Amino acid sequence: MLQTILSRLNALANPADAKKALRYVKSGPGEYSEGDLFLGIRNPVLHQLVKEYKHTDLEDVLTLLSNDYHEARHLALLLLVYQFQKGNAASQQCIFEAYLANTRYINNWDLVDCSCYKIVGPFLLNKDRSVLYQLAKSESLWERRIAMVSTLHFIRFSQFEDVFKLASILLTDKQDLMHKAVGWMLKEAGKRDNQVLISYLNQNYRAMPRTTLRYAIEKLPEPLRQDYLKGKI
């Protein structure tokens, strides 16, 4: 099955789209995704391939996840998400463990964002979440982003404690991609419960990077947004 998938990906490659992707995900020298390789396959095509290869063995999916090409890793993660959502408790635990054991291949923001809140978040919903705090203190930008974005699943159940605790840990992160991720999760929490966000902002907004603050307050009423931006609260 693995060779069939790889052959299919190669056949779908589009050099013009690959060049566009290199710029989009910052793969140039000194950028956060330096050296990543692209085939030039668009996301809707990858989602269609999931339907065709959804029964791929986990071992083959994990081998695909270690592939040099971004789209191969993306497809592997989409397959893991599908198999997690369709699996029983035992298979879900296996996929969760495999996911965290292979974070070195989940090495761009789109790869993190398409998968972590659909695997890590659901698995930990009713379990100990200490692994998220370990990830939040990782030297890996992508592991830190996994920690934060995984809380999107908790937000959907109006569980905010870990969102705010992790946000506080990551407020001083030096990476802009983390500023955006923290602000995004704060905004999502506010969409579920405006008051919990406002309470958190009132205590912490002065210490937030500007990007985090702008993301977090995006859905608040305009006068309140301006008060936060101008430091009037």
C-alpha atoms as a PDB file:
ATOM      1  CA  MET A   1       0.000   0.000   0.000  1.00  0.00           C
ATOM      2  CA  LEU A   2       2.793   2.422   0.885  1.00  0.00           C
ATOM      3  CA  GLN A   3       4.421   2.244  -2.538  1.00  0.00           C
ATOM      4  CA  THR A   4       1.031   2.721  -4.167  1.00  0.00           C
ATOM      5  CA  ILE A   5       0.469   5.887  -2.136  1.00  0.00           C
ATOM      6  CA  LEU A   6       3.933   7.246  -2.914  1.00  0.00           C
ATOM      7  CA  SER A   7       3.479   6.580  -6.627  1.00  0.00           C
ATOM      8  CA  ARG A   8       0.111   8.316  -6.530  1.00  0.00           C
ATOM      9  CA  LEU A   9       1.596  11.360  -4.801  1.00  0.00           C
ATOM     10  CA  ASN A  10       4.400  11.581  -7.323  1.00  0.00           C
ATOM     11  CA  ALA A  11       1.890  11.398 -10.177  1.00  0.00           C
ATOM     12  CA  LEU A  12      -0.101  14.272  -8.663  1.00  0.00           C
ATOM     13  CA  ALA A  13       2.923  16.532  -8.203  1.00  0.00           C
ATOM     14  CA  ASN A  14       2.683  20.049  -9.634  1.00  0.00           C
ATOM     15  CA  PRO A  15       5.987  21.976  -9.731  1.00  0.00           C
ATOM     16  CA  ALA A  16       4.266  25.365 -10.068  1.00  0.00           C
ATOM     17  CA  ASP A  17       2.155  24.776  -6.950  1.00  0.00           C
ATOM     18  CA  ALA A  18       5.216  23.451  -5.146  1.00  0.00           C
ATOM     19  CA  LYS A  19       6.984  26.795  -5.655  1.00  0.00           C
ATOM     20  CA  LYS A  20       3.980  28.672  -4.268  1.00  0.00           C
ATOM     21  CA  ALA A  21       3.881  26.377  -1.236  1.00  0.00           C
ATOM     22  CA  LEU A  22       7.543  27.043  -0.463  1.00  0.00           C
ATOM     23  CA  ARG A  23       6.782  30.733  -0.041  1.00  0.00           C
ATOM     24  CA  TYR A  24       3.520  30.192   1.826  1.00  0.00           C
ATOM     25  CA  VAL A  25       4.956  28.087   4.646  1.00  0.00           C
ATOM     26  CA  LYS A  26       8.253  29.959   4.968  1.00  0.00           C
ATOM     27  CA  SER A  27      10.691  27.342   3.702  1.00  0.00           C
ATOM     28  CA  GLY A  28      13.425  29.730   2.643  1.00  0.00           C
ATOM     29  CA  PRO A  29      16.874  30.121   4.241  1.00  0.00           C
ATOM     30  CA  GLY A  30      16.598  31.129   7.885  1.00  0.00           C
ATOM     31  CA  GLU A  31      12.817  30.728   7.955  1.00  0.00           C
ATOM     32  CA  TYR A  32      11.021  28.434  10.394  1.00  0.00           C
ATOM     33  CA  SER A  33      10.472  25.704   7.803  1.00  0.00           C
ATOM     34  CA  GLU A  34      13.811  25.936   6.068  1.00  0.00           C
ATOM     35  CA  GLY A  35      14.525  22.985   3.802  1.00  0.00           C
ATOM     36  CA  ASP A  36      11.032  21.536   3.635  1.00  0.00           C
ATOM     37  CA  LEU A  37      10.231  19.902   0.293  1.00  0.00           C
ATOM     38  CA  PHE A  38       6.958  20.125  -1.603  1.00  0.00           C
ATOM     39  CA  LEU A  39       5.325  18.150  -4.374  1.00  0.00           C
ATOM     40  CA  GLY A  40       2.686  20.801  -5.056  1.00  0.00           C
ATOM     41  CA  ILE A  41      -0.486  18.893  -4.132  1.00  0.00           C
ATOM     42  CA  ARG A  42      -3.371  20.947  -2.806  1.00  0.00           C
ATOM     43  CA  ASN A  43      -5.220  20.139   0.398  1.00  0.00           C
ATOM     44  CA  PRO A  44      -8.559  19.090  -1.175  1.00  0.00           C
ATOM     45  CA  VAL A  45      -6.692  16.459  -3.166  1.00  0.00           C
ATOM     46  CA  LEU A  46      -5.032  15.128  -0.019  1.00  0.00           C
ATOM     47  CA  HIS A  47      -8.425  14.889   1.696  1.00  0.00           C
ATOM     48  CA  GLN A  48      -9.735  12.921  -1.263  1.00  0.00           C
ATOM     49  CA  LEU A  49      -6.790  10.528  -1.000  1.00  0.00           C
ATOM     50  CA  VAL A  50      -7.728   9.818   2.636  1.00  0.00           C
ATOM     51  CA  LYS A  51     -10.958   8.255   1.380  1.00  0.00           C
ATOM     52  CA  GLU A  52      -9.001   5.999  -0.948  1.00  0.00           C
ATOM     53  CA  TYR A  53      -6.286   4.933   1.496  1.00  0.00           C
ATOM     54  CA  LYS A  54      -8.133   5.083   4.823  1.00  0.00           C
ATOM     55  CA  HIS A  55      -7.391   1.438   5.630  1.00  0.00           C
ATOM     56  CA  THR A  56      -3.616   1.792   5.343  1.00  0.00           C
ATOM     57  CA  ASP A  57      -1.767  -0.064   8.112  1.00  0.00           C
ATOM     58  CA  LEU A  58      -0.503   2.146  10.925  1.00  0.00           C
ATOM     59  CA  GLU A  59       3.072   1.058  10.251  1.00  0.00           C
ATOM     60  CA  ASP A  60       2.817   2.285   6.664  1.00  0.00           C
ATOM     61  CA  VAL A  61       1.152   5.530   7.764  1.00  0.00           C
ATOM     62  CA  LEU A  62       4.019   6.208  10.164  1.00  0.00           C
ATOM     63  CA  THR A  63       6.556   5.482   7.445  1.00  0.00           C
ATOM     64  CA  LEU A  64       4.692   7.954   5.248  1.00  0.00           C
ATOM     65  CA  LEU A  65       4.881  10.466   8.095  1.00  0.00           C
ATOM     66  CA  SER A  66       8.685  10.307   7.977  1.00  0.00           C
ATOM     67  CA  ASN A  67       8.770  11.144   4.260  1.00  0.00           C
ATOM     68  CA  ASP A  68      10.809  14.133   3.110  1.00  0.00           C
ATOM     69  CA  TYR A  69       7.891  15.653   1.236  1.00  0.00           C
ATOM     70  CA  HIS A  70       5.468  17.876   3.097  1.00  0.00           C
ATOM     71  CA  GLU A  71       2.365  16.530   1.366  1.00  0.00           C
ATOM     72  CA  ALA A  72       3.262  12.950   2.255  1.00  0.00           C
ATOM     73  CA  ARG A  73       3.492  13.918   5.931  1.00  0.00           C
ATOM     74  CA  HIS A  74       0.253  15.885   5.642  1.00  0.00           C
ATOM     75  CA  LEU A  75      -1.535  12.901   4.130  1.00  0.00           C
ATOM     76  CA  ALA A  76      -0.162  10.643   6.880  1.00  0.00           C
ATOM     77  CA  LEU A  77      -1.572  12.956   9.545  1.00  0.00           C
ATOM     78  CA  LEU A  78      -4.953  13.126   7.834  1.00  0.00           C
ATOM     79  CA  LEU A  79      -4.979   9.327   7.783  1.00  0.00           C
ATOM     80  CA  LEU A  80      -4.117   9.215  11.499  1.00  0.00           C
ATOM     81  CA  VAL A  81      -6.980  11.610  12.236  1.00  0.00           C
ATOM     82  CA  TYR A  82      -9.416   9.496  10.226  1.00  0.00           C
ATOM     83  CA  GLN A  83      -8.298   6.257  11.857  1.00  0.00           C
ATOM     84  CA  PHE A  84      -8.393   7.820  15.327  1.00  0.00           C
ATOM     85  CA  GLN A  85     -11.933   9.064  14.814  1.00  0.00           C
ATOM     86  CA  LYS A  86     -13.098   5.680  13.557  1.00  0.00           C
ATOM     87  CA  GLY A  87     -11.090   3.573  16.009  1.00  0.00           C
ATOM     88  CA  ASN A  88     -11.870   1.902  19.308  1.00  0.00           C
ATOM     89  CA  ALA A  89     -10.221   2.852  22.602  1.00  0.00           C
ATOM     90  CA  ALA A  90      -7.213   0.597  22.031  1.00  0.00           C
ATOM     91  CA  SER A  91      -6.506   1.872  18.526  1.00  0.00           C
ATOM     92  CA  GLN A  92      -6.969   5.472  19.665  1.00  0.00           C
ATOM     93  CA  GLN A  93      -4.378   5.015  22.381  1.00  0.00           C
ATOM     94  CA  CYS A  94      -1.982   3.471  19.878  1.00  0.00           C
ATOM     95  CA  ILE A  95      -2.437   6.389  17.470  1.00  0.00           C
ATOM     96  CA  PHE A  96      -2.089   8.962  20.256  1.00  0.00           C
ATOM     97  CA  GLU A  97       1.162   7.391  21.430  1.00  0.00           C
ATOM     98  CA  ALA A  98       2.468   7.116  17.873  1.00  0.00           C
ATOM     99  CA  TYR A  99       1.590  10.753  17.230  1.00  0.00           C
ATOM    100  CA  LEU A 100       3.574  12.009  20.217  1.00  0.00           C
ATOM    101  CA  ALA A 101       6.457   9.668  19.426  1.00  0.00           C
ATOM    102  CA  ASN A 102       6.784  11.203  15.954  1.00  0.00           C
ATOM    103  CA  THR A 103       6.436  14.925  16.581  1.00  0.00           C
ATOM    104  CA  ARG A 104       9.761  15.548  14.837  1.00  0.00           C
ATOM    105  CA  TYR A 105       7.903  14.941  11.574  1.00  0.00           C
ATOM    106  CA  ILE A 106       4.944  17.186  12.489  1.00  0.00           C
ATOM    107  CA  ASN A 107       7.125  20.132  11.664  1.00  0.00           C
ATOM    108  CA  ASN A 108       5.042  22.935  10.280  1.00  0.00           C
ATOM    109  CA  TRP A 109       2.059  24.941  11.488  1.00  0.00           C
ATOM    110  CA  ASP A 110      -0.381  23.391   9.009  1.00  0.00           C
ATOM    111  CA  LEU A 111       0.679  19.868   9.998  1.00  0.00           C
ATOM    112  CA  VAL A 112       0.162  20.679  13.670  1.00  0.00           C
ATOM    113  CA  ASP A 113      -3.142  22.457  13.115  1.00  0.00           C
ATOM    114  CA  CYS A 114      -4.744  19.772  10.956  1.00  0.00           C
ATOM    115  CA  SER A 115      -4.146  17.039  13.491  1.00  0.00           C
ATOM    116  CA  CYS A 116      -3.388  17.798  17.139  1.00  0.00           C
ATOM    117  CA  TYR A 117      -6.811  18.982  18.279  1.00  0.00           C
ATOM    118  CA  LYS A 118      -8.349  15.992  16.521  1.00  0.00           C
ATOM    119  CA  ILE A 119      -6.053  13.407  18.159  1.00  0.00           C
ATOM    120  CA  VAL A 120      -4.321  14.775  21.251  1.00  0.00           C
ATOM    121  CA  GLY A 121      -7.253  16.885  22.413  1.00  0.00           C
ATOM    122  CA  PRO A 122      -9.921  14.172  22.165  1.00  0.00           C
ATOM    123  CA  PHE A 123      -7.678  11.526  23.709  1.00  0.00           C
ATOM    124  CA  LEU A 124      -6.931  13.688  26.739  1.00  0.00           C
ATOM    125  CA  LEU A 125     -10.445  15.065  27.205  1.00  0.00           C
ATOM    126  CA  ASN A 126     -11.159  12.894  30.242  1.00  0.00           C
ATOM    127  CA  LYS A 127      -7.566  12.032  31.154  1.00  0.00           C
ATOM    128  CA  ASP A 128      -4.545  13.517  32.854  1.00  0.00           C
ATOM    129  CA  ARG A 129      -3.191  16.352  30.712  1.00  0.00           C
ATOM    130  CA  SER A 130       0.289  16.725  32.151  1.00  0.00           C
ATOM    131  CA  VAL A 131       1.819  15.755  28.800  1.00  0.00           C
ATOM    132  CA  LEU A 132       0.606  19.084  27.399  1.00  0.00           C
ATOM    133  CA  TYR A 133       2.652  20.953  29.990  1.00  0.00           C
ATOM    134  CA  GLN A 134       5.708  18.907  29.068  1.00  0.00           C
ATOM    135  CA  LEU A 135       5.172  19.795  25.422  1.00  0.00           C
ATOM    136  CA  ALA A 136       4.637  23.465  26.301  1.00  0.00           C
ATOM    137  CA  LYS A 137       8.149  23.569  27.782  1.00  0.00           C
ATOM    138  CA  SER A 138       9.768  21.790  24.842  1.00  0.00           C
ATOM    139  CA  GLU A 139      12.555  23.367  22.829  1.00  0.00           C
ATOM    140  CA  SER A 140      10.572  22.405  19.717  1.00  0.00           C
ATOM    141  CA  LEU A 141       8.307  25.160  18.399  1.00  0.00           C
ATOM    142  CA  TRP A 142       6.026  22.525  16.937  1.00  0.00           C
ATOM    143  CA  GLU A 143       5.629  20.612  20.196  1.00  0.00           C
ATOM    144  CA  ARG A 144       4.780  23.856  21.954  1.00  0.00           C
ATOM    145  CA  ARG A 145       2.207  24.614  19.280  1.00  0.00           C
ATOM    146  CA  ILE A 146       0.744  21.093  19.645  1.00  0.00           C
ATOM    147  CA  ALA A 147       0.292  21.764  23.369  1.00  0.00           C
ATOM    148  CA  MET A 148      -1.601  24.998  22.771  1.00  0.00           C
ATOM    149  CA  VAL A 149      -3.713  24.097  19.746  1.00  0.00           C
ATOM    150  CA  SER A 150      -4.780  20.749  21.224  1.00  0.00           C
ATOM    151  CA  THR A 151      -6.846  22.713  23.746  1.00  0.00           C
ATOM    152  CA  LEU A 152      -9.264  23.673  20.977  1.00  0.00           C
ATOM    153  CA  HIS A 153     -11.035  20.392  21.675  1.00  0.00           C
ATOM    154  CA  PHE A 154     -11.385  21.238  25.372  1.00  0.00           C
ATOM    155  CA  ILE A 155     -12.836  24.630  24.492  1.00  0.00           C
ATOM    156  CA  ARG A 156     -15.629  22.930  22.585  1.00  0.00           C
ATOM    157  CA  PHE A 157     -16.656  21.355  25.880  1.00  0.00           C
ATOM    158  CA  SER A 158     -16.307  24.675  27.749  1.00  0.00           C
ATOM    159  CA  GLN A 159     -13.238  23.415  29.581  1.00  0.00           C
ATOM    160  CA  PHE A 160     -10.974  26.452  29.852  1.00  0.00           C
ATOM    161  CA  GLU A 161      -8.568  25.800  32.716  1.00  0.00           C
ATOM    162  CA  ASP A 162      -5.800  24.278  30.625  1.00  0.00           C
ATOM    163  CA  VAL A 163      -6.262  26.850  27.867  1.00  0.00           C
ATOM    164  CA  PHE A 164      -5.435  29.685  30.236  1.00  0.00           C
ATOM    165  CA  LYS A 165      -2.715  27.832  32.139  1.00  0.00           C
ATOM    166  CA  LEU A 166      -0.903  26.915  28.931  1.00  0.00           C
ATOM    167  CA  ALA A 167      -1.413  30.394  27.523  1.00  0.00           C
ATOM    168  CA  SER A 168       0.268  31.852  30.596  1.00  0.00           C
ATOM    169  CA  ILE A 169       3.235  29.505  30.201  1.00  0.00           C
ATOM    170  CA  LEU A 170       3.586  30.439  26.541  1.00  0.00           C
ATOM    171  CA  LEU A 171       2.953  34.185  26.747  1.00  0.00           C
ATOM    172  CA  THR A 172       6.680  34.855  26.810  1.00  0.00           C
ATOM    173  CA  ASP A 173       7.458  32.561  23.860  1.00  0.00           C
ATOM    174  CA  LYS A 174       9.805  34.216  21.381  1.00  0.00           C
ATOM    175  CA  GLN A 175       8.217  32.736  18.258  1.00  0.00           C
ATOM    176  CA  ASP A 176       5.548  34.675  16.371  1.00  0.00           C
ATOM    177  CA  LEU A 177       3.815  31.421  15.446  1.00  0.00           C
ATOM    178  CA  MET A 178       3.266  30.801  19.147  1.00  0.00           C
ATOM    179  CA  HIS A 179       1.983  34.337  19.680  1.00  0.00           C
ATOM    180  CA  LYS A 180      -0.609  33.582  17.015  1.00  0.00           C
ATOM    181  CA  ALA A 181      -1.476  30.151  18.420  1.00  0.00           C
ATOM    182  CA  VAL A 182      -1.993  31.479  21.958  1.00  0.00           C
ATOM    183  CA  GLY A 183      -4.104  34.373  20.712  1.00  0.00           C
ATOM    184  CA  TRP A 184      -6.138  32.038  18.533  1.00  0.00           C
ATOM    185  CA  MET A 185      -6.989  29.731  21.434  1.00  0.00           C
ATOM    186  CA  LEU A 186      -7.862  32.669  23.684  1.00  0.00           C
ATOM    187  CA  LYS A 187     -10.174  33.996  20.987  1.00  0.00           C
ATOM    188  CA  GLU A 188     -11.832  30.575  20.646  1.00  0.00           C
ATOM    189  CA  ALA A 189     -12.352  30.430  24.406  1.00  0.00           C
ATOM    190  CA  GLY A 190     -13.948  33.871  24.241  1.00  0.00           C
ATOM    191  CA  LYS A 191     -16.298  32.779  21.494  1.00  0.00           C
ATOM    192  CA  ARG A 192     -17.532  30.067  23.851  1.00  0.00           C
ATOM    193  CA  ASP A 193     -17.614  32.284  26.961  1.00  0.00           C
ATOM    194  CA  ASN A 194     -16.888  35.990  26.622  1.00  0.00           C
ATOM    195  CA  GLN A 195     -16.565  36.613  30.327  1.00  0.00           C
ATOM    196  CA  VAL A 196     -13.863  34.032  30.982  1.00  0.00           C
ATOM    197  CA  LEU A 197     -11.764  35.611  28.249  1.00  0.00           C
ATOM    198  CA  ILE A 198     -12.296  39.134  29.577  1.00  0.00           C
ATOM    199  CA  SER A 199     -11.374  38.010  33.081  1.00  0.00           C
ATOM    200  CA  TYR A 200      -8.140  36.468  31.786  1.00  0.00           C
ATOM    201  CA  LEU A 201      -7.332  39.489  29.622  1.00  0.00           C
ATOM    202  CA  ASN A 202      -7.834  41.932  32.469  1.00  0.00           C
ATOM    203  CA  GLN A 203      -5.135  40.146  34.447  1.00  0.00           C
ATOM    204  CA  ASN A 204      -2.722  39.404  31.619  1.00  0.00           C
ATOM    205  CA  TYR A 205      -3.180  41.583  28.556  1.00  0.00           C
ATOM    206  CA  ARG A 206      -0.428  44.065  29.417  1.00  0.00           C
ATOM    207  CA  ALA A 207       2.112  41.218  29.364  1.00  0.00           C
ATOM    208  CA  MET A 208       0.925  39.804  26.035  1.00  0.00           C
ATOM    209  CA  PRO A 209       2.828  40.178  22.787  1.00  0.00           C
ATOM    210  CA  ARG A 210       0.874  42.520  20.504  1.00  0.00           C
ATOM    211  CA  THR A 211       0.091  39.732  18.060  1.00  0.00           C
ATOM    212  CA  THR A 212      -1.371  37.545  20.808  1.00  0.00           C
ATOM    213  CA  LEU A 213      -3.528  40.394  22.068  1.00  0.00           C
ATOM    214  CA  ARG A 214      -4.832  41.270  18.611  1.00  0.00           C
ATOM    215  CA  TYR A 215      -5.813  37.673  17.935  1.00  0.00           C
ATOM    216  CA  ALA A 216      -7.402  37.247  21.369  1.00  0.00           C
ATOM    217  CA  ILE A 217      -9.625  40.335  21.176  1.00  0.00           C
ATOM    218  CA  GLU A 218     -10.623  39.967  17.533  1.00  0.00           C
ATOM    219  CA  LYS A 219     -14.258  39.055  18.301  1.00  0.00           C
ATOM    220  CA  LEU A 220     -14.822  41.488  21.171  1.00  0.00           C
ATOM    221  CA  PRO A 221     -16.935  44.627  20.725  1.00  0.00           C
ATOM    222  CA  GLU A 222     -14.942  47.377  19.012  1.00  0.00           C
ATOM    223  CA  PRO A 223     -14.907  49.849  21.940  1.00  0.00           C
ATOM    224  CA  LEU A 224     -13.586  47.122  24.258  1.00  0.00           C
ATOM    225  CA  ARG A 225     -11.000  46.096  21.670  1.00  0.00           C
ATOM    226  CA  GLN A 226      -9.716  49.645  21.485  1.00  0.00           C
ATOM    227  CA  ASP A 227      -9.522  49.906  25.260  1.00  0.00           C
ATOM    228  CA  TYR A 228      -7.288  46.827  25.372  1.00  0.00           C
ATOM    229  CA  LEU A 229      -5.138  48.037  22.488  1.00  0.00           C
ATOM    230  CA  LYS A 230      -4.684  51.443  24.110  1.00  0.00           C
ATOM    231  CA  GLY A 231      -4.059  50.010  27.593  1.00  0.00           C
ATOM    232  CA  LYS A 232      -7.057  51.711  29.162  1.00  0.00           C
ATOM    233  CA  ILE A 233      -8.252  48.746  31.221  1.00  0.00           C
END
